[in-house]
Protein backbone atom coordinates (compact mmCIF):
# COMPACT_ATOMS: atom_id res chain seq x y z
CA MET A 1 239.44 91.16 -39.10
CA LYS A 2 237.62 89.02 -36.54
CA LYS A 3 237.34 90.17 -32.92
CA PHE A 4 236.87 87.95 -29.91
CA LYS A 5 236.65 88.48 -26.15
CA LEU A 6 238.07 85.52 -24.25
CA THR A 7 238.24 84.77 -20.53
CA ILE A 8 241.03 82.41 -19.49
CA HIS A 9 241.42 81.58 -15.76
CA GLY A 10 239.36 84.69 -14.91
CA ASN A 11 241.51 87.03 -17.05
CA GLN A 12 239.85 88.82 -19.97
CA TYR A 13 241.61 89.07 -23.33
CA GLU A 14 240.60 90.98 -26.45
CA VAL A 15 241.82 89.04 -29.47
CA ASN A 16 241.80 90.36 -33.04
CA ILE A 17 242.68 87.94 -35.82
CA ALA A 18 244.30 90.04 -38.55
CA SER A 19 245.03 87.31 -41.12
CA VAL A 20 245.42 83.56 -41.54
CA GLU A 21 247.63 81.98 -44.21
CA ASP A 22 248.18 78.23 -44.31
CA ASN A 23 248.80 77.40 -40.64
CA ILE A 24 250.17 80.82 -39.52
CA ALA A 25 247.80 83.34 -37.94
CA GLU A 26 248.60 86.95 -37.13
CA VAL A 27 246.72 87.92 -33.96
CA GLU A 28 246.63 90.86 -31.60
CA VAL A 29 246.02 90.08 -27.92
CA ASN A 30 245.28 93.10 -25.69
CA GLY A 31 247.26 95.35 -28.09
CA THR A 32 250.30 93.04 -28.54
CA ASN A 33 250.88 91.40 -31.96
CA TYR A 34 251.76 87.71 -32.26
CA ARG A 35 252.41 85.24 -35.09
CA VAL A 36 250.79 81.97 -34.06
CA GLU A 37 251.29 78.55 -35.62
CA VAL A 38 248.12 76.49 -35.76
CA ASP A 39 248.07 72.66 -35.54
CA ARG A 40 246.26 72.26 -38.85
CA VAL A 41 245.73 74.21 -42.06
CA ILE A 42 242.73 76.51 -41.72
CA GLN A 43 240.55 76.69 -44.81
CA GLN A 44 239.04 80.09 -45.56
CA THR A 45 235.34 79.81 -46.19
CA LYS A 46 234.34 81.17 -49.56
CA THR A 47 231.07 82.88 -50.22
CA PRO A 48 229.18 80.81 -52.79
CA LYS A 49 228.45 82.46 -56.12
CA LEU A 50 224.78 82.79 -56.90
CA VAL A 51 224.04 81.89 -60.50
CA ARG A 52 220.64 82.92 -61.78
CA GLN A 53 218.93 82.02 -65.01
CA VAL A 54 218.05 84.77 -67.43
CA ALA A 55 214.53 85.97 -66.63
CA ILE A 56 212.08 86.57 -69.45
CA PRO A 57 209.07 88.68 -68.39
CA SER A 58 205.83 86.75 -68.55
CA THR A 59 204.22 89.60 -70.51
CA ASP A 60 206.63 89.20 -73.44
CA SER A 61 205.92 86.98 -76.40
CA HIS A 62 208.39 84.34 -77.52
CA PRO A 63 211.85 85.92 -78.21
CA ALA A 64 211.72 84.77 -81.86
CA VAL A 65 208.47 86.67 -82.50
CA ALA A 66 208.84 90.24 -83.76
CA LYS A 67 207.38 92.73 -81.31
CA THR A 68 206.53 95.34 -83.97
CA SER A 69 205.46 95.33 -87.58
CA SER A 70 206.56 97.60 -90.39
CA PRO A 71 204.58 100.86 -90.70
CA SER A 72 203.03 99.84 -94.04
CA ALA A 73 202.05 96.31 -92.96
CA PRO A 74 198.46 95.66 -91.89
CA LYS A 75 198.07 95.59 -88.16
CA GLY A 76 196.45 92.56 -86.58
CA ALA A 77 194.74 92.25 -83.26
CA GLY A 78 196.64 93.51 -80.24
CA HIS A 79 196.38 92.24 -76.71
CA ILE A 80 196.37 94.42 -73.62
CA LYS A 81 197.99 92.37 -70.85
CA SER A 82 197.98 92.95 -67.13
CA PRO A 83 201.26 94.49 -65.92
CA LEU A 84 200.58 93.37 -62.31
CA PRO A 85 198.50 90.84 -60.41
CA GLY A 86 195.41 92.44 -58.93
CA ALA A 87 191.65 92.87 -59.10
CA ILE A 88 189.51 94.56 -61.78
CA LEU A 89 187.78 97.61 -60.26
CA GLU A 90 186.16 99.12 -63.36
CA ILE A 91 185.86 98.46 -67.10
CA PHE A 92 185.40 101.67 -69.12
CA VAL A 93 184.72 100.13 -72.56
CA LYS A 94 182.58 97.37 -74.04
CA GLU A 95 183.03 95.05 -77.00
CA GLY A 96 182.57 96.88 -80.30
CA ASP A 97 183.70 100.29 -78.98
CA LEU A 98 186.23 102.27 -81.03
CA VAL A 99 189.20 103.38 -78.92
CA LYS A 100 192.10 105.74 -79.45
CA LYS A 101 195.69 105.23 -78.35
CA GLY A 102 196.02 106.30 -74.69
CA GLN A 103 192.30 105.91 -73.91
CA LYS A 104 191.55 104.47 -70.45
CA LEU A 105 190.20 100.91 -70.76
CA ILE A 106 190.33 99.31 -67.30
CA CYS A 107 191.04 100.32 -63.71
CA LEU A 108 193.07 97.66 -61.89
CA GLU A 109 193.71 97.53 -58.14
CA ALA A 110 197.18 96.19 -57.42
CA MET A 111 199.05 96.51 -54.11
CA LYS A 112 196.27 98.76 -52.70
CA MET A 113 196.71 101.25 -55.55
CA GLU A 114 194.48 101.97 -58.53
CA ASN A 115 196.23 101.57 -61.89
CA ASN A 116 194.68 102.68 -65.17
CA ILE A 117 195.27 100.35 -68.11
CA ASP A 118 195.29 102.39 -71.33
CA SER A 119 195.00 101.40 -74.98
CA ASP A 120 198.33 101.14 -76.80
CA LYS A 121 196.77 101.48 -80.26
CA ASP A 122 193.76 102.79 -82.14
CA GLY A 123 191.13 100.20 -83.02
CA LYS A 124 187.95 98.39 -82.12
CA ILE A 125 187.45 96.37 -78.93
CA ILE A 126 187.12 92.79 -80.18
CA LYS A 127 186.99 90.94 -76.87
CA ILE A 128 187.05 91.78 -73.16
CA ASN A 129 188.40 88.77 -71.25
CA VAL A 130 187.67 90.00 -67.70
CA ASN A 131 184.73 91.18 -65.62
CA LYS A 132 184.48 93.71 -62.82
CA GLY A 133 185.72 92.07 -59.58
CA ASP A 134 187.86 89.40 -61.29
CA THR A 135 191.24 88.58 -59.78
CA ILE A 136 193.98 88.44 -62.41
CA MET A 137 197.65 87.53 -62.63
CA GLU A 138 200.51 89.37 -64.31
CA GLY A 139 200.50 88.74 -68.05
CA ASP A 140 196.80 87.78 -68.31
CA ILE A 141 195.19 89.12 -71.49
CA LEU A 142 192.59 91.70 -70.46
CA VAL A 143 191.39 93.13 -73.79
CA THR A 144 191.88 92.32 -77.48
CA ILE A 145 191.94 95.32 -79.84
CA GLY A 146 191.65 94.89 -83.62
CA ASP A 147 191.26 97.06 -86.69
């Protein structure tokens, strides 16, 4: 229902438009209901539908690549990626260190908060791709962990 306040020849009118179909409008003027015929057909405006593409997170690998291996299969190198854009505050490991699952590797400042990046597997630090103070983007590979 649309509401309007109109002034015609100094007189004020409160007009509520209840509905419009084809060229007939049902209106209420100062509490009195009227059916009004309009000169032309009034088109109702439709809200456009927003169609979005399917989003694939930048931290995921290609959808065709398996994300896990079987328990008996040898495990290859794993990459620790940045979950957020930010700046590297501290690096707690160095290349060649042995790490356990859940061990703190890097402290990342993102959105004025410190975020600890932990190891997701046991292994040896093969490569550290960042330095203290570096600015990184979401999905950047921070550390490579191997067997």
